[in-house]
Structures are given as structure tokens and as C-alpha cells.
Amino acid sequence: MTISLQPQERLLMDAQEMGRALSRISHEILERNKGIDGVALVGIRTGGVFLAQRLATRIQQIEKREVPLGELDITLYRDDLSIRKDQPEIRKTTIPFNISDMKIVLVDDVLFTGRTIRAALDGLMDLGRPAEIQLAVLVDRGHRQLPIRANYVGKSIPTAREEKVQVFFEELGQDDRVSILSP
């Protein structure tokens, strides 16, 4: 498969590298939690949902059991709602299980300032009191503004603040890949 890159786009991970990173993260989740008893995955919309679904599939292949899976929309928990010019699109949160006393693995595509994760933590806490919340991300690009660190990282990539890390998904009709987009 040939990936056609946009101008100012530098490829960081192709589909194979993404797949290997997700397989490794799946095994790390199972190892840390000694299986999937009491563990659930919650993907942050939108990219985190696709990644959580892929992790759930890999974990099911390994454990021969389904891991509970949910989707979290953090729009109303963002700390920049009052300063945004555009009207945010609110999507559905779907968590079809009780999160109280569970180990929740929160899944997102890119960890940057930590503000999205803070919003997700607030959203989860409104739904119950998990025993533990762990964080899995495909890419950690640094530049944290809050004291948040991922438990599981596909790839750490030092970036310039003005660059943008973009994850492309076949679920959205794109070639799976992670790229840095320069301004």
C-alpha cells in the first residue's frame, strides 16, 4: 500500500507500526492487570474510540474473552468552551457498564498538554468511582501543561509546539498512519 502524504507531512508511523504498537499495549495492559478481570476500556472520541476498539479486539484474541468497551465524549468538560469561536459538536457517551470499582483504561490517540485527559477524568468521575484509571495513548508528543502521564505509550515523539501530530484511521476512509504536520 502506498501512502500519499500531504505537503508538509512527515510520516512517523505506518499501519504496520501502529498495529505493532497496539499489540504491545494490549499485552502490557494484560500483564499489568493480570488479565482482564475487572478491567474495561473507554475510548475518548474520536480517535481514542477507534484505538480502544482495536485494543479490545486484540485482547479478546489473546484472552478469549470480551473486555467491556465504552466511548466517552468530553466536549462539555473541556476547559476552553468559553473561549472557542466555533460551536462544539456534542456526541454521545456510551458506557454500557457500571464503572464503579473497575480498572478503567482510558484510551486516546495523542497525548499533548494533558487537558483532554483532565476533561476525560472529570467525565468518568461523573459516571462513577473507578478503582483505578490507567491511560493508554498511541502517541505521546510531550509539552504537558498538567501533571498527567500515560501508563501505556505506543510511541513517544518529541515535537515542536507549533507542529501538529495527526493520526489517520482506516475507519475514516484514510490509510492508517501517524504524521507530523508542519505549519
N, C-alpha and C. Protein backbone atom coordinates (compact mmCIF):
# COMPACT_ATOMS: atom_id res chain seq x y z
N MET A 1 0.84 -1.17 0.00
CA MET A 1 0.00 0.00 0.00
C MET A 1 0.89 1.24 0.00
N THR A 2 0.60 2.15 -0.88
CA THR A 2 1.35 3.39 -0.95
C THR A 2 0.56 4.48 -0.26
N ILE A 3 1.22 5.16 0.65
CA ILE A 3 0.57 6.25 1.36
C ILE A 3 0.94 7.55 0.67
N SER A 4 -0.07 8.32 0.30
CA SER A 4 0.23 9.61 -0.32
C SER A 4 0.21 10.67 0.77
N LEU A 5 1.35 11.26 1.01
CA LEU A 5 1.49 12.27 2.05
C LEU A 5 1.17 13.65 1.50
N GLN A 6 0.61 14.48 2.35
CA GLN A 6 0.33 15.87 2.01
C GLN A 6 1.63 16.66 2.08
N PRO A 7 1.70 17.82 1.42
CA PRO A 7 2.88 18.66 1.60
C PRO A 7 3.00 19.02 3.08
N GLN A 8 4.16 19.15 3.58
CA GLN A 8 4.43 19.48 4.98
C GLN A 8 4.06 18.35 5.94
N GLU A 9 3.93 17.12 5.42
CA GLU A 9 3.59 15.97 6.26
C GLU A 9 4.79 15.04 6.34
N ARG A 10 5.18 14.69 7.57
CA ARG A 10 6.28 13.76 7.79
C ARG A 10 5.73 12.51 8.48
N LEU A 11 5.91 11.36 7.87
CA LEU A 11 5.38 10.10 8.38
C LEU A 11 6.15 9.65 9.62
N LEU A 12 5.42 9.36 10.70
CA LEU A 12 6.03 8.87 11.94
C LEU A 12 5.78 7.39 12.15
N MET A 13 4.57 6.94 11.84
CA MET A 13 4.20 5.53 11.98
C MET A 13 3.32 5.14 10.80
N ASP A 14 3.60 3.99 10.21
CA ASP A 14 2.71 3.49 9.17
C ASP A 14 1.74 2.49 9.81
N ALA A 15 0.92 1.84 9.00
CA ALA A 15 -0.10 0.93 9.51
C ALA A 15 0.52 -0.22 10.29
N GLN A 16 1.62 -0.77 9.80
CA GLN A 16 2.28 -1.88 10.50
C GLN A 16 2.81 -1.45 11.85
N GLU A 17 3.43 -0.29 11.91
CA GLU A 17 3.96 0.22 13.18
C GLU A 17 2.82 0.50 14.17
N MET A 18 1.71 1.03 13.67
CA MET A 18 0.55 1.25 14.54
C MET A 18 0.05 -0.08 15.10
N GLY A 19 -0.04 -1.08 14.23
CA GLY A 19 -0.51 -2.40 14.65
C GLY A 19 0.40 -3.03 15.70
N ARG A 20 1.71 -2.92 15.49
CA ARG A 20 2.65 -3.47 16.46
C ARG A 20 2.55 -2.75 17.80
N ALA A 21 2.40 -1.43 17.76
CA ALA A 21 2.27 -0.65 19.00
C ALA A 21 1.01 -1.06 19.76
N LEU A 22 -0.09 -1.25 19.05
CA LEU A 22 -1.34 -1.65 19.70
C LEU A 22 -1.25 -3.07 20.26
N SER A 23 -0.57 -3.95 19.57
CA SER A 23 -0.36 -5.31 20.10
C SER A 23 0.45 -5.27 21.37
N ARG A 24 1.50 -4.47 21.39
CA ARG A 24 2.34 -4.35 22.58
C ARG A 24 1.55 -3.76 23.75
N ILE A 25 0.79 -2.70 23.47
CA ILE A 25 -0.03 -2.08 24.53
C ILE A 25 -1.03 -3.09 25.08
N SER A 26 -1.64 -3.90 24.22
CA SER A 26 -2.60 -4.92 24.66
C SER A 26 -1.95 -5.87 25.65
N HIS A 27 -0.76 -6.35 25.31
CA HIS A 27 -0.04 -7.27 26.20
C HIS A 27 0.35 -6.58 27.50
N GLU A 28 0.75 -5.32 27.43
CA GLU A 28 1.13 -4.58 28.64
C GLU A 28 -0.08 -4.40 29.56
N ILE A 29 -1.25 -4.12 28.99
CA ILE A 29 -2.47 -3.99 29.79
C ILE A 29 -2.76 -5.30 30.51
N LEU A 30 -2.68 -6.40 29.77
CA LEU A 30 -2.95 -7.72 30.37
C LEU A 30 -1.93 -8.06 31.44
N GLU A 31 -0.67 -7.75 31.19
CA GLU A 31 0.37 -8.06 32.16
C GLU A 31 0.19 -7.25 33.44
N ARG A 32 0.00 -5.96 33.29
CA ARG A 32 -0.14 -5.09 34.47
C ARG A 32 -1.35 -5.45 35.32
N ASN A 33 -2.45 -5.82 34.66
CA ASN A 33 -3.70 -6.09 35.36
C ASN A 33 -3.92 -7.58 35.62
N LYS A 34 -2.94 -8.40 35.26
CA LYS A 34 -3.03 -9.86 35.45
C LYS A 34 -4.30 -10.42 34.81
N GLY A 35 -4.52 -10.07 33.56
CA GLY A 35 -5.71 -10.49 32.83
C GLY A 35 -6.68 -9.34 32.68
N ILE A 36 -7.95 -9.69 32.41
CA ILE A 36 -8.95 -8.63 32.18
C ILE A 36 -10.06 -8.60 33.22
N ASP A 37 -9.95 -9.40 34.27
CA ASP A 37 -10.98 -9.35 35.30
C ASP A 37 -11.04 -7.96 35.92
N GLY A 38 -12.20 -7.34 35.87
CA GLY A 38 -12.40 -6.02 36.46
C GLY A 38 -11.82 -4.88 35.64
N VAL A 39 -11.43 -5.17 34.39
CA VAL A 39 -10.82 -4.15 33.52
C VAL A 39 -11.81 -3.80 32.41
N ALA A 40 -11.88 -2.51 32.06
CA ALA A 40 -12.69 -2.06 30.94
C ALA A 40 -11.91 -1.00 30.17
N LEU A 41 -12.17 -0.90 28.88
CA LEU A 41 -11.56 0.11 28.01
C LEU A 41 -12.59 1.20 27.72
N VAL A 42 -12.15 2.46 27.79
CA VAL A 42 -13.02 3.59 27.44
C VAL A 42 -12.24 4.48 26.48
N GLY A 43 -12.71 4.59 25.25
CA GLY A 43 -12.07 5.42 24.25
C GLY A 43 -12.62 6.83 24.27
N ILE A 44 -11.72 7.81 24.16
CA ILE A 44 -12.12 9.22 24.09
C ILE A 44 -12.42 9.52 22.62
N ARG A 45 -13.59 10.09 22.37
CA ARG A 45 -13.97 10.41 20.99
C ARG A 45 -13.00 11.39 20.36
N THR A 46 -12.57 11.20 19.17
CA THR A 46 -12.97 10.19 18.21
C THR A 46 -11.88 9.14 18.06
N GLY A 47 -10.63 9.57 17.94
CA GLY A 47 -9.54 8.63 17.70
C GLY A 47 -9.38 7.60 18.78
N GLY A 48 -9.61 7.97 20.02
CA GLY A 48 -9.48 7.02 21.12
C GLY A 48 -10.48 5.89 21.04
N VAL A 49 -11.63 6.15 20.45
CA VAL A 49 -12.66 5.11 20.29
C VAL A 49 -12.16 4.05 19.32
N PHE A 50 -11.60 4.47 18.19
CA PHE A 50 -11.09 3.51 17.22
C PHE A 50 -9.97 2.66 17.83
N LEU A 51 -9.09 3.32 18.57
CA LEU A 51 -7.97 2.60 19.19
C LEU A 51 -8.46 1.65 20.28
N ALA A 52 -9.44 2.07 21.08
CA ALA A 52 -9.99 1.20 22.12
C ALA A 52 -10.64 -0.04 21.49
N GLN A 53 -11.33 0.16 20.38
CA GLN A 53 -11.96 -0.98 19.69
C GLN A 53 -10.89 -1.96 19.19
N ARG A 54 -9.80 -1.42 18.66
CA ARG A 54 -8.71 -2.29 18.18
C ARG A 54 -8.04 -3.01 19.34
N LEU A 55 -7.84 -2.30 20.46
CA LEU A 55 -7.25 -2.95 21.64
C LEU A 55 -8.18 -4.04 22.15
N ALA A 56 -9.47 -3.78 22.20
CA ALA A 56 -10.44 -4.77 22.67
C ALA A 56 -10.39 -6.02 21.80
N THR A 57 -10.28 -5.85 20.50
CA THR A 57 -10.19 -6.99 19.59
C THR A 57 -8.94 -7.81 19.87
N ARG A 58 -7.80 -7.13 20.03
CA ARG A 58 -6.54 -7.85 20.31
C ARG A 58 -6.61 -8.57 21.65
N ILE A 59 -7.14 -7.91 22.66
CA ILE A 59 -7.24 -8.53 23.98
C ILE A 59 -8.16 -9.74 23.93
N GLN A 60 -9.26 -9.64 23.19
CA GLN A 60 -10.18 -10.78 23.06
C GLN A 60 -9.48 -11.95 22.36
N GLN A 61 -8.66 -11.68 21.36
CA GLN A 61 -7.93 -12.74 20.67
C GLN A 61 -6.96 -13.44 21.62
N ILE A 62 -6.36 -12.69 22.53
CA ILE A 62 -5.39 -13.25 23.46
C ILE A 62 -6.09 -13.99 24.60
N GLU A 63 -7.08 -13.35 25.22
CA GLU A 63 -7.74 -13.86 26.43
C GLU A 63 -8.94 -14.77 26.13
N LYS A 64 -9.42 -14.73 24.91
CA LYS A 64 -10.62 -15.50 24.52
C LYS A 64 -11.86 -15.07 25.31
N ARG A 65 -11.85 -13.81 25.75
CA ARG A 65 -12.98 -13.20 26.45
C ARG A 65 -13.08 -11.75 26.03
N GLU A 66 -14.31 -11.24 26.04
CA GLU A 66 -14.50 -9.83 25.70
C GLU A 66 -14.17 -8.95 26.89
N VAL A 67 -13.57 -7.80 26.60
CA VAL A 67 -13.33 -6.79 27.61
C VAL A 67 -14.41 -5.72 27.43
N PRO A 68 -15.04 -5.25 28.51
CA PRO A 68 -16.05 -4.20 28.37
C PRO A 68 -15.45 -2.97 27.67
N LEU A 69 -16.25 -2.36 26.82
CA LEU A 69 -15.78 -1.26 25.97
C LEU A 69 -16.78 -0.12 25.99
N GLY A 70 -16.27 1.10 26.19
CA GLY A 70 -17.14 2.26 26.20
C GLY A 70 -16.54 3.41 25.39
N GLU A 71 -17.38 4.41 25.13
CA GLU A 71 -16.99 5.61 24.38
C GLU A 71 -17.35 6.83 25.20
N LEU A 72 -16.39 7.76 25.31
CA LEU A 72 -16.58 8.95 26.13
C LEU A 72 -16.45 10.22 25.29
N ASP A 73 -17.48 11.06 25.34
CA ASP A 73 -17.40 12.38 24.71
C ASP A 73 -17.08 13.40 25.79
N ILE A 74 -16.01 14.15 25.62
CA ILE A 74 -15.56 15.09 26.65
C ILE A 74 -15.90 16.55 26.33
N THR A 75 -16.67 16.78 25.29
CA THR A 75 -16.93 18.15 24.82
C THR A 75 -17.33 19.10 25.94
N LEU A 76 -18.28 18.69 26.76
CA LEU A 76 -18.79 19.60 27.79
C LEU A 76 -17.85 19.73 28.98
N TYR A 77 -16.79 18.94 29.02
CA TYR A 77 -15.83 19.00 30.11
C TYR A 77 -14.57 19.79 29.74
N ARG A 78 -14.49 20.25 28.51
CA ARG A 78 -13.31 20.98 28.06
C ARG A 78 -13.18 22.31 28.80
N ASP A 79 -11.94 22.72 29.06
CA ASP A 79 -11.74 23.99 29.77
C ASP A 79 -11.65 25.20 28.84
N ASP A 80 -11.83 24.97 27.54
CA ASP A 80 -11.76 26.08 26.58
C ASP A 80 -13.11 26.37 25.93
N LEU A 81 -14.19 25.85 26.48
CA LEU A 81 -15.52 26.07 25.88
C LEU A 81 -15.88 27.54 25.79
N SER A 82 -15.54 28.30 26.82
CA SER A 82 -15.93 29.71 26.85
C SER A 82 -15.11 30.58 25.90
N ILE A 83 -13.94 30.10 25.47
CA ILE A 83 -13.10 30.93 24.59
C ILE A 83 -13.10 30.45 23.14
N ARG A 84 -13.79 29.34 22.86
CA ARG A 84 -13.85 28.84 21.49
C ARG A 84 -14.78 29.69 20.64
N LYS A 85 -14.39 29.93 19.40
CA LYS A 85 -15.22 30.72 18.49
C LYS A 85 -16.29 29.84 17.83
N ASP A 86 -15.93 28.59 17.53
CA ASP A 86 -16.89 27.70 16.89
C ASP A 86 -17.73 26.98 17.94
N GLN A 87 -18.90 26.57 17.53
CA GLN A 87 -19.80 25.84 18.41
C GLN A 87 -19.37 24.37 18.42
N PRO A 88 -19.06 23.81 19.59
CA PRO A 88 -18.60 22.42 19.63
C PRO A 88 -19.72 21.45 19.29
N GLU A 89 -19.34 20.34 18.68
CA GLU A 89 -20.30 19.30 18.34
C GLU A 89 -20.32 18.27 19.47
N ILE A 90 -21.47 18.13 20.09
CA ILE A 90 -21.59 17.19 21.21
C ILE A 90 -22.01 15.84 20.64
N ARG A 91 -21.24 14.81 21.02
CA ARG A 91 -21.54 13.46 20.56
C ARG A 91 -21.95 12.62 21.77
N LYS A 92 -22.26 11.40 21.51
CA LYS A 92 -22.82 10.54 22.53
C LYS A 92 -21.72 9.84 23.35
N THR A 93 -21.92 9.79 24.65
CA THR A 93 -21.11 8.95 25.53
C THR A 93 -21.87 7.64 25.70
N THR A 94 -21.19 6.54 25.44
CA THR A 94 -21.81 5.23 25.57
C THR A 94 -20.91 4.36 26.43
N ILE A 95 -21.31 4.18 27.67
CA ILE A 95 -20.57 3.28 28.57
C ILE A 95 -21.61 2.33 29.15
N PRO A 96 -21.76 1.15 28.51
CA PRO A 96 -22.85 0.23 28.87
C PRO A 96 -22.54 -0.68 30.06
N PHE A 97 -21.78 -0.17 31.01
CA PHE A 97 -21.45 -0.95 32.21
C PHE A 97 -21.20 0.03 33.34
N ASN A 98 -21.27 -0.45 34.56
CA ASN A 98 -21.02 0.38 35.73
C ASN A 98 -19.50 0.48 35.92
N ILE A 99 -18.96 1.69 35.92
CA ILE A 99 -17.50 1.85 36.03
C ILE A 99 -17.01 1.80 37.47
N SER A 100 -17.93 1.87 38.42
CA SER A 100 -17.52 1.86 39.83
C SER A 100 -16.76 0.58 40.17
N ASP A 101 -15.66 0.76 40.87
CA ASP A 101 -14.80 -0.34 41.32
C ASP A 101 -14.11 -1.10 40.19
N MET A 102 -14.12 -0.57 38.98
CA MET A 102 -13.43 -1.21 37.86
C MET A 102 -12.10 -0.50 37.61
N LYS A 103 -11.20 -1.22 36.96
CA LYS A 103 -9.98 -0.61 36.45
C LYS A 103 -10.30 -0.15 35.04
N ILE A 104 -10.31 1.16 34.85
CA ILE A 104 -10.66 1.74 33.55
C ILE A 104 -9.36 2.11 32.82
N VAL A 105 -9.21 1.60 31.61
CA VAL A 105 -8.10 2.02 30.76
C VAL A 105 -8.68 3.03 29.79
N LEU A 106 -8.33 4.29 30.02
CA LEU A 106 -8.76 5.40 29.17
C LEU A 106 -7.84 5.40 27.96
N VAL A 107 -8.41 5.48 26.76
CA VAL A 107 -7.63 5.37 25.53
C VAL A 107 -7.79 6.63 24.69
N ASP A 108 -6.64 7.19 24.25
CA ASP A 108 -6.67 8.35 23.35
C ASP A 108 -5.59 8.18 22.30
N ASP A 109 -5.68 8.96 21.24
CA ASP A 109 -4.70 8.82 20.17
C ASP A 109 -3.42 9.59 20.45
N VAL A 110 -3.51 10.87 20.84
CA VAL A 110 -2.32 11.69 21.05
C VAL A 110 -2.41 12.36 22.42
N LEU A 111 -1.34 12.23 23.20
CA LEU A 111 -1.23 12.94 24.47
C LEU A 111 -0.33 14.15 24.24
N PHE A 112 -0.88 15.33 24.53
CA PHE A 112 -0.16 16.58 24.27
C PHE A 112 -0.09 17.36 25.58
N THR A 113 -0.98 18.30 25.80
CA THR A 113 -0.91 19.15 27.00
C THR A 113 -1.46 18.45 28.25
N GLY A 114 -2.32 17.46 28.05
CA GLY A 114 -2.95 16.78 29.17
C GLY A 114 -4.35 17.28 29.45
N ARG A 115 -4.77 18.34 28.78
CA ARG A 115 -6.08 18.93 29.06
C ARG A 115 -7.24 18.03 28.61
N THR A 116 -7.09 17.31 27.52
CA THR A 116 -8.13 16.37 27.08
C THR A 116 -8.30 15.27 28.12
N ILE A 117 -7.19 14.78 28.65
CA ILE A 117 -7.25 13.71 29.64
C ILE A 117 -7.90 14.22 30.92
N ARG A 118 -7.57 15.45 31.33
CA ARG A 118 -8.21 16.02 32.51
C ARG A 118 -9.72 16.08 32.33
N ALA A 119 -10.15 16.50 31.16
CA ALA A 119 -11.58 16.56 30.86
C ALA A 119 -12.19 15.15 30.91
N ALA A 120 -11.48 14.17 30.38
CA ALA A 120 -11.98 12.79 30.38
C ALA A 120 -12.08 12.25 31.81
N LEU A 121 -11.12 12.59 32.64
CA LEU A 121 -11.17 12.15 34.05
C LEU A 121 -12.41 12.73 34.73
N ASP A 122 -12.69 14.01 34.48
CA ASP A 122 -13.89 14.63 35.04
C ASP A 122 -15.15 13.91 34.54
N GLY A 123 -15.18 13.60 33.24
CA GLY A 123 -16.33 12.90 32.67
C GLY A 123 -16.52 11.53 33.28
N LEU A 124 -15.43 10.79 33.47
CA LEU A 124 -15.53 9.46 34.08
C LEU A 124 -16.03 9.55 35.52
N MET A 125 -15.50 10.51 36.27
CA MET A 125 -15.89 10.63 37.68
C MET A 125 -17.37 10.98 37.84
N ASP A 126 -17.95 11.62 36.83
CA ASP A 126 -19.39 11.89 36.89
C ASP A 126 -20.21 10.61 36.69
N LEU A 127 -19.58 9.56 36.18
CA LEU A 127 -20.29 8.32 35.90
C LEU A 127 -20.11 7.26 36.99
N GLY A 128 -19.19 7.49 37.91
CA GLY A 128 -18.96 6.52 38.96
C GLY A 128 -17.59 6.72 39.58
N ARG A 129 -17.20 5.76 40.42
CA ARG A 129 -15.91 5.84 41.10
C ARG A 129 -15.09 4.60 40.78
N PRO A 130 -14.28 4.68 39.72
CA PRO A 130 -13.46 3.54 39.34
C PRO A 130 -12.43 3.21 40.44
N ALA A 131 -12.03 1.95 40.50
CA ALA A 131 -10.98 1.53 41.43
C ALA A 131 -9.65 2.15 41.01
N GLU A 132 -9.46 2.28 39.69
CA GLU A 132 -8.22 2.83 39.14
C GLU A 132 -8.48 3.30 37.72
N ILE A 133 -7.79 4.35 37.32
CA ILE A 133 -7.85 4.80 35.92
C ILE A 133 -6.43 4.77 35.38
N GLN A 134 -6.25 4.05 34.30
CA GLN A 134 -4.97 3.97 33.61
C GLN A 134 -5.14 4.66 32.26
N LEU A 135 -4.02 5.09 31.67
CA LEU A 135 -4.08 5.81 30.41
C LEU A 135 -3.23 5.13 29.35
N ALA A 136 -3.84 4.87 28.20
CA ALA A 136 -3.14 4.30 27.05
C ALA A 136 -3.25 5.28 25.89
N VAL A 137 -2.10 5.63 25.29
CA VAL A 137 -2.10 6.53 24.13
C VAL A 137 -1.22 5.95 23.03
N LEU A 138 -1.59 6.22 21.81
CA LEU A 138 -0.77 5.77 20.69
C LEU A 138 0.50 6.61 20.60
N VAL A 139 0.37 7.94 20.79
CA VAL A 139 1.50 8.85 20.66
C VAL A 139 1.54 9.80 21.85
N ASP A 140 2.72 9.93 22.44
CA ASP A 140 2.96 10.95 23.45
C ASP A 140 3.93 11.95 22.84
N ARG A 141 3.48 13.17 22.65
CA ARG A 141 4.30 14.17 21.97
C ARG A 141 4.92 15.20 22.90
N GLY A 142 4.69 15.06 24.21
CA GLY A 142 5.29 15.99 25.16
C GLY A 142 4.49 17.28 25.29
N HIS A 143 5.11 18.30 25.84
CA HIS A 143 4.53 19.64 26.03
C HIS A 143 3.39 19.67 27.05
N ARG A 144 3.49 18.87 28.10
CA ARG A 144 2.43 18.79 29.10
C ARG A 144 2.25 20.10 29.85
N GLN A 145 0.99 20.46 30.07
CA GLN A 145 0.63 21.61 30.90
C GLN A 145 0.04 21.18 32.23
N LEU A 146 -0.29 19.91 32.33
CA LEU A 146 -0.85 19.33 33.56
C LEU A 146 -0.04 18.10 33.92
N PRO A 147 0.00 17.73 35.20
CA PRO A 147 0.81 16.59 35.62
C PRO A 147 0.15 15.25 35.29
N ILE A 148 0.11 14.93 34.01
CA ILE A 148 -0.54 13.71 33.52
C ILE A 148 0.49 12.91 32.73
N ARG A 149 0.52 11.59 32.99
CA ARG A 149 1.48 10.70 32.32
C ARG A 149 0.74 9.42 31.93
N ALA A 150 1.03 8.92 30.74
CA ALA A 150 0.39 7.69 30.27
C ALA A 150 1.06 6.47 30.86
N ASN A 151 0.23 5.44 31.14
CA ASN A 151 0.74 4.15 31.60
C ASN A 151 1.23 3.32 30.43
N TYR A 152 0.60 3.49 29.27
CA TYR A 152 0.93 2.71 28.08
C TYR A 152 1.09 3.68 26.91
N VAL A 153 2.23 3.62 26.23
CA VAL A 153 2.52 4.54 25.13
C VAL A 153 2.99 3.74 23.92
N GLY A 154 2.35 3.98 22.79
CA GLY A 154 2.79 3.34 21.55
C GLY A 154 4.13 3.88 21.10
N LYS A 155 4.25 5.21 21.09
CA LYS A 155 5.50 5.85 20.67
C LYS A 155 5.58 7.24 21.27
N SER A 156 6.73 7.56 21.83
CA SER A 156 7.00 8.92 22.31
C SER A 156 7.73 9.67 21.21
N ILE A 157 7.23 10.84 20.88
CA ILE A 157 7.78 11.61 19.76
C ILE A 157 7.99 13.05 20.20
N PRO A 158 9.25 13.48 20.31
CA PRO A 158 9.46 14.90 20.62
C PRO A 158 9.04 15.76 19.43
N THR A 159 8.27 16.78 19.71
CA THR A 159 7.77 17.65 18.65
C THR A 159 8.00 19.11 19.02
N ALA A 160 7.94 19.96 18.03
CA ALA A 160 7.90 21.39 18.29
C ALA A 160 6.46 21.75 18.63
N ARG A 161 6.27 22.72 19.46
CA ARG A 161 4.93 23.10 19.91
C ARG A 161 4.02 23.48 18.74
N GLU A 162 4.58 24.12 17.71
CA GLU A 162 3.74 24.57 16.59
C GLU A 162 3.41 23.45 15.60
N GLU A 163 4.06 22.31 15.71
CA GLU A 163 3.73 21.18 14.84
C GLU A 163 2.45 20.52 15.33
N LYS A 164 1.83 19.77 14.43
CA LYS A 164 0.61 19.04 14.79
C LYS A 164 0.83 17.56 14.51
N VAL A 165 0.51 16.73 15.47
CA VAL A 165 0.56 15.28 15.26
C VAL A 165 -0.84 14.83 14.88
N GLN A 166 -0.96 14.18 13.74
CA GLN A 166 -2.25 13.75 13.22
C GLN A 166 -2.25 12.23 13.07
N VAL A 167 -3.28 11.59 13.62
CA VAL A 167 -3.45 10.15 13.46
C VAL A 167 -4.56 9.95 12.43
N PHE A 168 -4.26 9.18 11.41
CA PHE A 168 -5.22 8.88 10.35
C PHE A 168 -5.72 7.45 10.54
N PHE A 169 -7.03 7.23 10.33
CA PHE A 169 -7.64 5.93 10.59
C PHE A 169 -8.37 5.40 9.37
N GLU A 170 -8.22 4.10 9.14
CA GLU A 170 -8.96 3.49 8.02
C GLU A 170 -10.46 3.53 8.28
N GLU A 171 -10.88 3.60 9.56
CA GLU A 171 -12.30 3.72 9.88
C GLU A 171 -12.88 5.02 9.31
N LEU A 172 -12.03 6.00 9.03
CA LEU A 172 -12.47 7.27 8.46
C LEU A 172 -12.13 7.36 6.96
N GLY A 173 -11.80 6.20 6.36
CA GLY A 173 -11.50 6.16 4.93
C GLY A 173 -10.10 6.62 4.57
N GLN A 174 -9.19 6.61 5.54
CA GLN A 174 -7.81 7.04 5.30
C GLN A 174 -6.88 5.85 5.46
N ASP A 175 -5.64 6.00 5.01
CA ASP A 175 -4.63 4.99 5.29
C ASP A 175 -4.18 5.16 6.73
N ASP A 176 -4.15 4.05 7.51
CA ASP A 176 -3.67 4.12 8.89
C ASP A 176 -2.26 4.68 8.90
N ARG A 177 -2.05 5.74 9.68
CA ARG A 177 -0.72 6.30 9.83
C ARG A 177 -0.73 7.41 10.86
N VAL A 178 0.46 7.76 11.34
CA VAL A 178 0.64 8.90 12.22
C VAL A 178 1.66 9.81 11.54
N SER A 179 1.34 11.08 11.45
CA SER A 179 2.22 12.04 10.78
C SER A 179 2.35 13.31 11.61
N ILE A 180 3.47 14.00 11.37
CA ILE A 180 3.63 15.34 11.89
C ILE A 180 3.33 16.30 10.74
N LEU A 181 2.46 17.25 11.01
CA LEU A 181 2.11 18.27 10.02
C LEU A 181 2.79 19.57 10.44
N SER A 182 3.63 20.08 9.60
CA SER A 182 4.32 21.34 9.90
C SER A 182 3.46 22.51 9.48
N PRO A 183 3.60 23.63 10.19
CA PRO A 183 2.78 24.81 9.84
C PRO A 183 3.21 25.42 8.51
